[in-house]
Amino acid sequence: GILHTVRDMSGGQPLPATTGAPVADSKPQWFGFVLACAAYLSASVGESLISPLFPTTANDLDLDLTLGGVAFGLLTGSIAVANIVGGRLLPRLGATRVIRIAGLLTMVGALVAATSSSFLPLALAQVLLGAGSGFYFPAGIQAVGTLAGPSRKGFAMGMFGVAFSGGLTIAAVLAAVGADHGWRVSFVISAVLAAAALV
């Protein structure tokens, strides 16, 4: 899986060539690249669910728009903080551990959201989901650049963005599912996606 594929990566620079071959000739690892993008997609789903699901969630938990704004603010704030912290931890822990932390945070956050009975656990869930997405970004963007190879970094960054957009799309679909089958189902599916990304 992605955790094993990127376990030897560290720091923000491409892995050095040790065989004397030109850097541009590095062979891309497409399987690992696809897994890295898929993991980011799953993190993006988790962070994107609260906005389309909030009307349904608010009715069920008796919340108002002010609390919705607070929840969204906690989500985005935790993403920003985790981006910085994840970037700082990356040289120390390596990409594998940071990605593992991100996936666990996303999975736990989605499960906390799915079992929320009031605003406080729902707010905690948004902090966890935002932290998961924020932690994944620096490690994931390093991973796709390294796995695609130095000469394909532009392509790698573009596909990383596509993974984020794919997460938004899936979140919208899950919101529609939640409207018919309950908003908690959407978060459970998000947790399953995060767990699958860790395998």
N, C-alpha and C. Protein backbone atom coordinates (compact mmCIF):
# COMPACT_ATOMS: atom_id res chain seq x y z
N GLY A 1 0.82 -1.19 0.00
CA GLY A 1 0.00 0.00 0.00
C GLY A 1 0.86 1.25 0.00
N ILE A 2 0.21 2.40 0.11
CA ILE A 2 0.92 3.67 0.07
C ILE A 2 1.91 3.81 1.21
N LEU A 3 1.59 3.26 2.39
CA LEU A 3 2.49 3.40 3.53
C LEU A 3 3.80 2.69 3.28
N HIS A 4 3.75 1.54 2.62
CA HIS A 4 4.97 0.81 2.33
C HIS A 4 5.72 1.42 1.15
N THR A 5 4.98 1.95 0.21
CA THR A 5 5.59 2.50 -1.00
C THR A 5 6.44 3.72 -0.69
N VAL A 6 6.00 4.54 0.26
CA VAL A 6 6.71 5.79 0.53
C VAL A 6 7.52 5.74 1.82
N ARG A 7 7.75 4.57 2.38
CA ARG A 7 8.36 4.50 3.70
C ARG A 7 9.79 5.01 3.73
N ASP A 8 10.47 5.03 2.59
CA ASP A 8 11.85 5.48 2.57
C ASP A 8 12.01 6.96 2.26
N MET A 9 10.90 7.68 2.11
CA MET A 9 10.99 9.09 1.78
C MET A 9 11.15 9.92 3.04
N SER A 10 11.94 10.98 2.95
CA SER A 10 12.08 11.91 4.07
C SER A 10 12.47 13.26 3.52
N GLY A 11 12.14 14.32 4.27
CA GLY A 11 12.49 15.66 3.84
C GLY A 11 11.64 16.10 2.68
N GLY A 12 11.93 17.30 2.16
CA GLY A 12 11.12 17.86 1.10
C GLY A 12 11.75 17.74 -0.27
N GLN A 13 12.91 17.11 -0.36
CA GLN A 13 13.61 17.03 -1.63
C GLN A 13 13.42 15.66 -2.25
N PRO A 14 13.59 15.54 -3.60
CA PRO A 14 13.51 14.24 -4.24
C PRO A 14 14.58 13.31 -3.69
N LEU A 15 14.29 12.01 -3.69
CA LEU A 15 15.27 11.05 -3.23
C LEU A 15 16.49 11.10 -4.14
N PRO A 16 17.70 11.10 -3.58
CA PRO A 16 18.90 11.20 -4.39
C PRO A 16 19.11 9.93 -5.20
N ALA A 17 19.69 10.08 -6.39
CA ALA A 17 20.04 8.93 -7.21
C ALA A 17 21.30 8.30 -6.65
N THR A 18 21.28 6.98 -6.47
CA THR A 18 22.43 6.31 -5.87
C THR A 18 23.13 5.40 -6.84
N THR A 19 22.62 5.30 -8.06
CA THR A 19 23.22 4.38 -9.02
C THR A 19 24.01 5.10 -10.09
N GLY A 20 24.05 6.42 -10.04
CA GLY A 20 24.76 7.16 -11.06
C GLY A 20 23.92 7.47 -12.27
N ALA A 21 22.68 6.98 -12.32
CA ALA A 21 21.80 7.25 -13.45
C ALA A 21 21.29 8.68 -13.36
N PRO A 22 20.97 9.33 -14.47
CA PRO A 22 20.41 10.67 -14.44
C PRO A 22 19.11 10.70 -13.67
N VAL A 23 18.88 11.81 -12.95
CA VAL A 23 17.67 11.94 -12.15
C VAL A 23 16.43 11.82 -13.01
N ALA A 24 16.47 12.38 -14.23
CA ALA A 24 15.30 12.37 -15.10
C ALA A 24 14.91 10.97 -15.53
N ASP A 25 15.85 9.97 -15.39
CA ASP A 25 15.56 8.62 -15.81
C ASP A 25 14.92 7.77 -14.70
N SER A 26 14.65 8.39 -13.54
CA SER A 26 14.03 7.65 -12.45
C SER A 26 12.71 7.05 -12.91
N LYS A 27 12.51 5.78 -12.62
CA LYS A 27 11.31 5.09 -13.06
C LYS A 27 10.14 5.46 -12.17
N PRO A 28 9.03 5.92 -12.74
CA PRO A 28 7.87 6.27 -11.91
C PRO A 28 7.26 5.03 -11.28
N GLN A 29 6.72 5.19 -10.08
CA GLN A 29 6.03 4.12 -9.38
C GLN A 29 4.53 4.44 -9.41
N TRP A 30 3.90 4.05 -10.51
CA TRP A 30 2.53 4.49 -10.76
C TRP A 30 1.54 3.90 -9.76
N PHE A 31 1.76 2.67 -9.31
CA PHE A 31 0.83 2.07 -8.37
C PHE A 31 0.81 2.86 -7.06
N GLY A 32 1.99 3.15 -6.54
CA GLY A 32 2.07 3.96 -5.34
C GLY A 32 1.53 5.36 -5.54
N PHE A 33 1.75 5.90 -6.74
CA PHE A 33 1.25 7.24 -7.06
C PHE A 33 -0.27 7.27 -7.01
N VAL A 34 -0.91 6.26 -7.60
CA VAL A 34 -2.37 6.20 -7.58
C VAL A 34 -2.89 6.04 -6.15
N LEU A 35 -2.21 5.23 -5.35
CA LEU A 35 -2.63 5.05 -3.96
C LEU A 35 -2.49 6.34 -3.17
N ALA A 36 -1.43 7.10 -3.42
CA ALA A 36 -1.24 8.37 -2.71
C ALA A 36 -2.36 9.34 -3.05
N CYS A 37 -2.72 9.41 -4.32
CA CYS A 37 -3.83 10.30 -4.72
C CYS A 37 -5.15 9.81 -4.14
N ALA A 38 -5.34 8.49 -4.11
CA ALA A 38 -6.59 7.94 -3.56
C ALA A 38 -6.71 8.24 -2.07
N ALA A 39 -5.58 8.19 -1.36
CA ALA A 39 -5.59 8.51 0.07
C ALA A 39 -5.97 9.97 0.30
N TYR A 40 -5.46 10.86 -0.56
CA TYR A 40 -5.81 12.27 -0.43
C TYR A 40 -7.28 12.49 -0.76
N LEU A 41 -7.79 11.74 -1.73
CA LEU A 41 -9.20 11.81 -2.06
C LEU A 41 -10.05 11.46 -0.85
N SER A 42 -9.67 10.40 -0.13
CA SER A 42 -10.45 9.98 1.03
C SER A 42 -10.41 11.03 2.14
N ALA A 43 -9.23 11.67 2.32
CA ALA A 43 -9.13 12.73 3.32
C ALA A 43 -9.99 13.93 2.92
N SER A 44 -10.04 14.21 1.62
CA SER A 44 -10.84 15.33 1.13
C SER A 44 -12.33 15.10 1.32
N VAL A 45 -12.75 13.85 1.19
CA VAL A 45 -14.16 13.52 1.42
C VAL A 45 -14.54 13.87 2.85
N GLY A 46 -13.71 13.46 3.80
CA GLY A 46 -14.01 13.70 5.20
C GLY A 46 -14.14 15.17 5.54
N GLU A 47 -13.22 15.99 5.02
CA GLU A 47 -13.25 17.41 5.35
C GLU A 47 -14.38 18.16 4.65
N SER A 48 -14.93 17.58 3.59
CA SER A 48 -15.92 18.29 2.76
C SER A 48 -17.36 17.96 3.09
N LEU A 49 -17.60 17.04 4.02
CA LEU A 49 -18.96 16.57 4.24
C LEU A 49 -19.84 17.52 5.05
N ILE A 50 -19.24 18.25 5.98
CA ILE A 50 -20.07 19.02 6.91
C ILE A 50 -20.89 20.09 6.20
N SER A 51 -20.33 20.71 5.17
CA SER A 51 -21.05 21.80 4.51
C SER A 51 -22.34 21.32 3.85
N PRO A 52 -22.30 20.31 2.96
CA PRO A 52 -23.56 19.90 2.34
C PRO A 52 -24.50 19.15 3.28
N LEU A 53 -23.95 18.55 4.34
CA LEU A 53 -24.78 17.78 5.26
C LEU A 53 -25.34 18.60 6.40
N PHE A 54 -24.85 19.82 6.58
CA PHE A 54 -25.23 20.56 7.79
C PHE A 54 -26.74 20.80 7.91
N PRO A 55 -27.45 21.15 6.84
CA PRO A 55 -28.90 21.35 7.02
C PRO A 55 -29.60 20.13 7.63
N THR A 56 -29.26 18.94 7.14
CA THR A 56 -29.86 17.72 7.68
C THR A 56 -29.37 17.46 9.10
N THR A 57 -28.07 17.66 9.31
CA THR A 57 -27.50 17.46 10.64
C THR A 57 -28.10 18.43 11.65
N ALA A 58 -28.27 19.67 11.23
CA ALA A 58 -28.81 20.70 12.12
C ALA A 58 -30.23 20.35 12.57
N ASN A 59 -31.03 19.83 11.66
CA ASN A 59 -32.40 19.44 12.01
C ASN A 59 -32.40 18.31 13.03
N ASP A 60 -31.48 17.37 12.84
CA ASP A 60 -31.44 16.20 13.71
C ASP A 60 -30.92 16.55 15.11
N LEU A 61 -29.90 17.42 15.17
CA LEU A 61 -29.26 17.76 16.45
C LEU A 61 -29.75 19.07 17.03
N ASP A 62 -30.71 19.70 16.37
CA ASP A 62 -31.27 20.97 16.84
C ASP A 62 -30.19 22.04 16.95
N LEU A 63 -29.49 22.27 15.84
CA LEU A 63 -28.43 23.26 15.78
C LEU A 63 -28.90 24.46 14.96
N ASP A 64 -28.24 25.60 15.16
CA ASP A 64 -28.57 26.78 14.36
C ASP A 64 -27.40 27.12 13.44
N LEU A 65 -27.59 28.15 12.62
CA LEU A 65 -26.56 28.51 11.64
C LEU A 65 -25.28 29.01 12.30
N THR A 66 -25.41 29.62 13.46
CA THR A 66 -24.23 30.10 14.17
C THR A 66 -23.30 28.94 14.53
N LEU A 67 -23.89 27.88 15.03
CA LEU A 67 -23.10 26.70 15.37
C LEU A 67 -22.50 26.06 14.11
N GLY A 68 -23.23 26.16 13.01
CA GLY A 68 -22.68 25.67 11.75
C GLY A 68 -21.44 26.44 11.35
N GLY A 69 -21.48 27.75 11.54
CA GLY A 69 -20.30 28.57 11.25
C GLY A 69 -19.14 28.23 12.15
N VAL A 70 -19.43 27.96 13.42
CA VAL A 70 -18.37 27.57 14.36
C VAL A 70 -17.74 26.25 13.94
N ALA A 71 -18.58 25.29 13.57
CA ALA A 71 -18.07 23.98 13.15
C ALA A 71 -17.19 24.11 11.91
N PHE A 72 -17.64 24.92 10.95
CA PHE A 72 -16.85 25.09 9.74
C PHE A 72 -15.55 25.82 10.04
N GLY A 73 -15.59 26.79 10.95
CA GLY A 73 -14.38 27.49 11.34
C GLY A 73 -13.38 26.58 12.02
N LEU A 74 -13.87 25.67 12.87
CA LEU A 74 -12.98 24.71 13.52
C LEU A 74 -12.34 23.78 12.48
N LEU A 75 -13.13 23.39 11.50
CA LEU A 75 -12.61 22.53 10.43
C LEU A 75 -11.49 23.21 9.68
N THR A 76 -11.74 24.42 9.17
CA THR A 76 -10.73 25.09 8.36
C THR A 76 -9.52 25.51 9.19
N GLY A 77 -9.77 25.90 10.45
CA GLY A 77 -8.65 26.27 11.31
C GLY A 77 -7.74 25.09 11.59
N SER A 78 -8.33 23.93 11.82
CA SER A 78 -7.52 22.74 12.09
C SER A 78 -6.75 22.30 10.85
N ILE A 79 -7.33 22.50 9.67
CA ILE A 79 -6.60 22.19 8.44
C ILE A 79 -5.34 23.05 8.34
N ALA A 80 -5.50 24.34 8.59
CA ALA A 80 -4.36 25.26 8.49
C ALA A 80 -3.27 24.90 9.50
N VAL A 81 -3.67 24.66 10.75
CA VAL A 81 -2.68 24.33 11.78
C VAL A 81 -1.99 23.01 11.45
N ALA A 82 -2.76 22.01 11.03
CA ALA A 82 -2.18 20.70 10.73
C ALA A 82 -1.28 20.75 9.51
N ASN A 83 -1.56 21.63 8.54
CA ASN A 83 -0.64 21.80 7.41
C ASN A 83 0.75 22.19 7.90
N ILE A 84 0.78 23.14 8.83
CA ILE A 84 2.06 23.62 9.36
C ILE A 84 2.74 22.56 10.21
N VAL A 85 1.97 21.98 11.13
CA VAL A 85 2.54 20.96 12.02
C VAL A 85 3.00 19.74 11.23
N GLY A 86 2.18 19.30 10.28
CA GLY A 86 2.55 18.15 9.46
C GLY A 86 3.81 18.40 8.66
N GLY A 87 3.95 19.62 8.14
CA GLY A 87 5.15 19.95 7.40
C GLY A 87 6.39 19.95 8.28
N ARG A 88 6.22 20.41 9.52
CA ARG A 88 7.35 20.43 10.45
C ARG A 88 7.74 19.02 10.90
N LEU A 89 6.73 18.15 11.04
CA LEU A 89 7.00 16.78 11.50
C LEU A 89 7.54 15.88 10.39
N LEU A 90 7.30 16.25 9.14
CA LEU A 90 7.66 15.38 8.02
C LEU A 90 9.13 14.99 8.00
N PRO A 91 10.08 15.93 8.18
CA PRO A 91 11.49 15.50 8.18
C PRO A 91 11.84 14.59 9.34
N ARG A 92 11.14 14.73 10.46
CA ARG A 92 11.44 13.91 11.64
C ARG A 92 10.81 12.52 11.56
N LEU A 93 9.54 12.49 11.18
CA LEU A 93 8.80 11.22 11.20
C LEU A 93 8.83 10.48 9.87
N GLY A 94 9.02 11.20 8.78
CA GLY A 94 8.95 10.58 7.47
C GLY A 94 7.52 10.55 6.96
N ALA A 95 7.39 10.38 5.65
CA ALA A 95 6.08 10.43 5.02
C ALA A 95 5.15 9.33 5.50
N THR A 96 5.68 8.13 5.72
CA THR A 96 4.83 7.01 6.12
C THR A 96 4.08 7.30 7.40
N ARG A 97 4.79 7.76 8.43
CA ARG A 97 4.15 8.00 9.71
C ARG A 97 3.17 9.16 9.65
N VAL A 98 3.53 10.20 8.93
CA VAL A 98 2.63 11.35 8.83
C VAL A 98 1.35 10.95 8.09
N ILE A 99 1.48 10.17 7.03
CA ILE A 99 0.30 9.69 6.30
C ILE A 99 -0.55 8.78 7.18
N ARG A 100 0.11 7.94 7.98
CA ARG A 100 -0.64 7.06 8.88
C ARG A 100 -1.42 7.88 9.91
N ILE A 101 -0.78 8.89 10.47
CA ILE A 101 -1.46 9.77 11.42
C ILE A 101 -2.66 10.44 10.77
N ALA A 102 -2.46 10.93 9.54
CA ALA A 102 -3.54 11.61 8.82
C ALA A 102 -4.72 10.68 8.59
N GLY A 103 -4.43 9.47 8.15
CA GLY A 103 -5.51 8.52 7.90
C GLY A 103 -6.27 8.14 9.15
N LEU A 104 -5.55 7.96 10.25
CA LEU A 104 -6.20 7.62 11.51
C LEU A 104 -7.08 8.76 12.01
N LEU A 105 -6.58 10.00 11.89
CA LEU A 105 -7.37 11.16 12.30
C LEU A 105 -8.65 11.27 11.48
N THR A 106 -8.53 11.06 10.18
CA THR A 106 -9.70 11.14 9.30
C THR A 106 -10.72 10.06 9.65
N MET A 107 -10.24 8.85 9.84
CA MET A 107 -11.15 7.74 10.16
C MET A 107 -11.85 7.97 11.50
N VAL A 108 -11.09 8.34 12.53
CA VAL A 108 -11.68 8.57 13.85
C VAL A 108 -12.64 9.76 13.80
N GLY A 109 -12.23 10.82 13.09
CA GLY A 109 -13.09 11.99 12.98
C GLY A 109 -14.42 11.68 12.34
N ALA A 110 -14.39 10.87 11.28
CA ALA A 110 -15.64 10.50 10.61
C ALA A 110 -16.52 9.65 11.52
N LEU A 111 -15.91 8.76 12.28
CA LEU A 111 -16.69 7.93 13.20
C LEU A 111 -17.29 8.75 14.34
N VAL A 112 -16.52 9.72 14.86
CA VAL A 112 -17.04 10.60 15.90
C VAL A 112 -18.23 11.40 15.36
N ALA A 113 -18.10 11.90 14.12
CA ALA A 113 -19.20 12.64 13.52
C ALA A 113 -20.44 11.76 13.37
N ALA A 114 -20.23 10.52 12.92
CA ALA A 114 -21.35 9.61 12.68
C ALA A 114 -22.10 9.26 13.95
N THR A 115 -21.43 9.33 15.10
CA THR A 115 -22.05 8.96 16.37
C THR A 115 -22.39 10.18 17.23
N SER A 116 -22.28 11.37 16.67
CA SER A 116 -22.54 12.59 17.45
C SER A 116 -24.00 12.70 17.83
N SER A 117 -24.22 13.11 19.08
CA SER A 117 -25.58 13.33 19.56
C SER A 117 -25.82 14.78 19.95
N SER A 118 -24.78 15.60 19.82
CA SER A 118 -24.88 17.01 20.16
C SER A 118 -23.80 17.77 19.40
N PHE A 119 -23.76 19.08 19.62
CA PHE A 119 -22.80 19.89 18.87
C PHE A 119 -21.35 19.61 19.27
N LEU A 120 -21.08 19.38 20.53
CA LEU A 120 -19.69 19.23 20.98
C LEU A 120 -18.96 18.08 20.28
N PRO A 121 -19.50 16.87 20.25
CA PRO A 121 -18.80 15.82 19.52
C PRO A 121 -18.73 16.09 18.02
N LEU A 122 -19.75 16.74 17.47
CA LEU A 122 -19.70 17.09 16.05
C LEU A 122 -18.57 18.08 15.80
N ALA A 123 -18.38 19.04 16.70
CA ALA A 123 -17.30 20.01 16.57
C ALA A 123 -15.95 19.32 16.70
N LEU A 124 -15.83 18.40 17.66
CA LEU A 124 -14.59 17.64 17.80
C LEU A 124 -14.29 16.86 16.53
N ALA A 125 -15.32 16.29 15.94
CA ALA A 125 -15.14 15.54 14.70
C ALA A 125 -14.57 16.42 13.60
N GLN A 126 -15.04 17.68 13.52
CA GLN A 126 -14.52 18.58 12.48
C GLN A 126 -13.06 18.91 12.71
N VAL A 127 -12.67 19.04 13.97
CA VAL A 127 -11.26 19.28 14.29
C VAL A 127 -10.42 18.09 13.84
N LEU A 128 -10.89 16.89 14.13
CA LEU A 128 -10.15 15.68 13.75
C LEU A 128 -10.09 15.51 12.23
N LEU A 129 -11.20 15.76 11.55
CA LEU A 129 -11.23 15.63 10.10
C LEU A 129 -10.33 16.67 9.44
N GLY A 130 -10.38 17.90 9.96
CA GLY A 130 -9.50 18.93 9.42
C GLY A 130 -8.04 18.62 9.66
N ALA A 131 -7.73 18.09 10.85
CA ALA A 131 -6.35 17.72 11.15
C ALA A 131 -5.88 16.59 10.23
N GLY A 132 -6.76 15.63 9.96
CA GLY A 132 -6.39 14.55 9.06
C GLY A 132 -6.04 15.04 7.68
N SER A 133 -6.88 15.90 7.14
CA SER A 133 -6.62 16.45 5.81
C SER A 133 -5.37 17.33 5.81
N GLY A 134 -5.22 18.14 6.86
CA GLY A 134 -4.07 19.02 6.94
C GLY A 134 -2.76 18.26 7.08
N PHE A 135 -2.75 17.21 7.89
CA PHE A 135 -1.54 16.39 8.04
C PHE A 135 -1.19 15.69 6.73
N TYR A 136 -2.21 15.25 6.00
CA TYR A 136 -1.93 14.50 4.78
C TYR A 136 -1.29 15.36 3.70
N PHE A 137 -1.66 16.63 3.62
CA PHE A 137 -1.25 17.45 2.49
C PHE A 137 0.26 17.50 2.28
N PRO A 138 1.08 17.88 3.28
CA PRO A 138 2.52 17.97 3.01
C PRO A 138 3.15 16.62 2.70
N ALA A 139 2.73 15.57 3.42
CA ALA A 139 3.29 14.25 3.15
C ALA A 139 2.84 13.72 1.80
N GLY A 140 1.57 13.94 1.48
CA GLY A 140 1.05 13.44 0.21
C GLY A 140 1.65 14.14 -0.99
N ILE A 141 1.84 15.46 -0.88
CA ILE A 141 2.37 16.18 -2.02
C ILE A 141 3.84 15.82 -2.25
N GLN A 142 4.56 15.50 -1.16
CA GLN A 142 5.91 15.00 -1.31
C GLN A 142 5.90 13.61 -1.95
N ALA A 143 4.96 12.78 -1.50
CA ALA A 143 4.89 11.41 -2.00
C ALA A 143 4.63 11.36 -3.49
N VAL A 144 3.64 12.11 -3.97
CA VAL A 144 3.30 12.03 -5.40
C VAL A 144 4.43 12.58 -6.25
N GLY A 145 5.12 13.62 -5.77
CA GLY A 145 6.25 14.15 -6.53
C GLY A 145 7.38 13.16 -6.65
N THR A 146 7.65 12.44 -5.58
CA THR A 146 8.73 11.45 -5.59
C THR A 146 8.34 10.21 -6.39
N LEU A 147 7.10 9.74 -6.22
CA LEU A 147 6.67 8.52 -6.89
C LEU A 147 6.54 8.72 -8.40
N ALA A 148 6.14 9.91 -8.83
CA ALA A 148 6.01 10.17 -10.26
C ALA A 148 7.36 10.39 -10.92
N GLY A 149 8.35 10.83 -10.15
CA GLY A 149 9.67 11.08 -10.70
C GLY A 149 9.91 12.57 -10.93
N PRO A 150 11.18 13.01 -10.86
CA PRO A 150 11.52 14.43 -10.95
C PRO A 150 11.03 15.12 -12.22
N SER A 151 11.01 14.40 -13.33
CA SER A 151 10.61 15.03 -14.58
C SER A 151 9.09 15.12 -14.75
N ARG A 152 8.34 14.57 -13.80
CA ARG A 152 6.88 14.55 -13.91
C ARG A 152 6.21 15.24 -12.73
N LYS A 153 6.93 16.12 -12.07
CA LYS A 153 6.37 16.77 -10.88
C LYS A 153 5.16 17.64 -11.20
N GLY A 154 5.19 18.33 -12.34
CA GLY A 154 4.04 19.14 -12.72
C GLY A 154 2.79 18.30 -12.89
N PHE A 155 2.95 17.17 -13.56
CA PHE A 155 1.83 16.24 -13.73
C PHE A 155 1.36 15.73 -12.37
N ALA A 156 2.32 15.41 -11.49
CA ALA A 156 1.98 14.89 -10.18
C ALA A 156 1.17 15.89 -9.37
N MET A 157 1.58 17.17 -9.40
CA MET A 157 0.85 18.19 -8.66
C MET A 157 -0.56 18.37 -9.22
N GLY A 158 -0.68 18.29 -10.55
CA GLY A 158 -1.99 18.41 -11.17
C GLY A 158 -2.92 17.28 -10.75
N MET A 159 -2.41 16.07 -10.74
CA MET A 159 -3.23 14.93 -10.35
C MET A 159 -3.57 14.97 -8.86
N PHE A 160 -2.68 15.53 -8.06
CA PHE A 160 -2.97 15.70 -6.64
C PHE A 160 -4.16 16.63 -6.47
N GLY A 161 -4.22 17.68 -7.29
CA GLY A 161 -5.37 18.57 -7.27
C GLY A 161 -6.64 17.88 -7.75
N VAL A 162 -6.51 17.01 -8.73
CA VAL A 162 -7.67 16.25 -9.21
C VAL A 162 -8.22 15.36 -8.09
N ALA A 163 -7.32 14.78 -7.29
CA ALA A 163 -7.75 13.94 -6.17
C ALA A 163 -8.59 14.76 -5.18
N PHE A 164 -8.18 16.00 -4.93
CA PHE A 164 -8.96 16.86 -4.04
C PHE A 164 -10.34 17.13 -4.62
N SER A 165 -10.37 17.46 -5.92
CA SER A 165 -11.66 17.71 -6.57
C SER A 165 -12.54 16.46 -6.56
N GLY A 166 -11.91 15.31 -6.73
CA GLY A 166 -12.67 14.06 -6.66
C GLY A 166 -13.28 13.85 -5.28
N GLY A 167 -12.54 14.25 -4.24
CA GLY A 167 -13.08 14.17 -2.89
C GLY A 167 -14.30 15.05 -2.71
N LEU A 168 -14.25 16.26 -3.27
CA LEU A 168 -15.41 17.15 -3.20
C LEU A 168 -16.61 16.55 -3.91
N THR A 169 -16.36 15.92 -5.05
CA THR A 169 -17.45 15.30 -5.81
C THR A 169 -18.09 14.16 -5.03
N ILE A 170 -17.25 13.30 -4.45
CA ILE A 170 -17.78 12.17 -3.68
C ILE A 170 -18.54 12.67 -2.46
N ALA A 171 -18.03 13.74 -1.82
CA ALA A 171 -18.72 14.31 -0.67
C ALA A 171 -20.12 14.79 -1.06
N ALA A 172 -20.24 15.39 -2.25
CA ALA A 172 -21.55 15.84 -2.71
C ALA A 172 -22.49 14.65 -2.93
N VAL A 173 -21.95 13.57 -3.49
CA VAL A 173 -22.76 12.36 -3.70
C VAL A 173 -23.19 11.78 -2.36
N LEU A 174 -22.25 11.74 -1.39
CA LEU A 174 -22.58 11.20 -0.07
C LEU A 174 -23.61 12.08 0.64
N ALA A 175 -23.58 13.37 0.37
CA ALA A 175 -24.59 14.26 0.95
C ALA A 175 -25.97 13.89 0.44
N ALA A 176 -26.05 13.56 -0.84
CA ALA A 176 -27.33 13.13 -1.41
C ALA A 176 -27.78 11.80 -0.79
N VAL A 177 -26.81 10.91 -0.58
CA VAL A 177 -27.12 9.64 0.08
C VAL A 177 -27.63 9.90 1.50
N GLY A 178 -26.95 10.85 2.18
CA GLY A 178 -27.34 11.18 3.54
C GLY A 178 -28.73 11.77 3.63
N ALA A 179 -29.13 12.50 2.60
CA ALA A 179 -30.47 13.08 2.59
C ALA A 179 -31.54 12.00 2.55
N ASP A 180 -31.23 10.88 1.90
CA ASP A 180 -32.20 9.79 1.78
C ASP A 180 -32.10 8.76 2.91
N HIS A 181 -30.87 8.53 3.38
CA HIS A 181 -30.66 7.43 4.33
C HIS A 181 -30.12 7.89 5.69
N GLY A 182 -30.02 9.18 5.89
CA GLY A 182 -29.51 9.68 7.17
C GLY A 182 -28.08 10.19 7.02
N TRP A 183 -27.80 11.36 7.60
CA TRP A 183 -26.49 11.98 7.44
C TRP A 183 -25.38 11.17 8.07
N ARG A 184 -25.70 10.36 9.06
CA ARG A 184 -24.67 9.56 9.72
C ARG A 184 -24.06 8.53 8.76
N VAL A 185 -24.88 8.03 7.86
CA VAL A 185 -24.40 7.05 6.88
C VAL A 185 -23.25 7.62 6.05
N SER A 186 -23.36 8.89 5.70
CA SER A 186 -22.32 9.53 4.89
C SER A 186 -20.98 9.54 5.61
N PHE A 187 -21.00 9.83 6.90
CA PHE A 187 -19.76 9.85 7.67
C PHE A 187 -19.20 8.44 7.87
N VAL A 188 -20.08 7.46 8.00
CA VAL A 188 -19.62 6.07 8.12
C VAL A 188 -18.90 5.67 6.84
N ILE A 189 -19.46 6.01 5.70
CA ILE A 189 -18.81 5.68 4.43
C ILE A 189 -17.47 6.39 4.33
N SER A 190 -17.40 7.63 4.80
CA SER A 190 -16.14 8.36 4.80
C SER A 190 -15.10 7.65 5.67
N ALA A 191 -15.52 7.13 6.82
CA ALA A 191 -14.61 6.39 7.69
C ALA A 191 -14.10 5.13 7.01
N VAL A 192 -14.98 4.45 6.29
CA VAL A 192 -14.58 3.24 5.57
C VAL A 192 -13.54 3.58 4.49
N LEU A 193 -13.76 4.69 3.78
CA LEU A 193 -12.79 5.11 2.76
C LEU A 193 -11.43 5.40 3.38
N ALA A 194 -11.43 6.07 4.53
CA ALA A 194 -10.17 6.38 5.21
C ALA A 194 -9.47 5.10 5.67
N ALA A 195 -10.25 4.16 6.19
CA ALA A 195 -9.66 2.89 6.63
C ALA A 195 -9.06 2.12 5.45
N ALA A 196 -9.77 2.15 4.32
CA ALA A 196 -9.27 1.45 3.12
C ALA A 196 -7.98 2.06 2.63
N ALA A 197 -7.83 3.38 2.78
CA ALA A 197 -6.61 4.06 2.33
C ALA A 197 -5.41 3.67 3.18
N LEU A 198 -5.66 3.21 4.41
CA LEU A 198 -4.57 2.82 5.30
C LEU A 198 -4.09 1.41 5.05
N VAL A 199 -4.87 0.61 4.35
CA VAL A 199 -4.51 -0.80 4.15
C VAL A 199 -3.33 -0.92 3.20
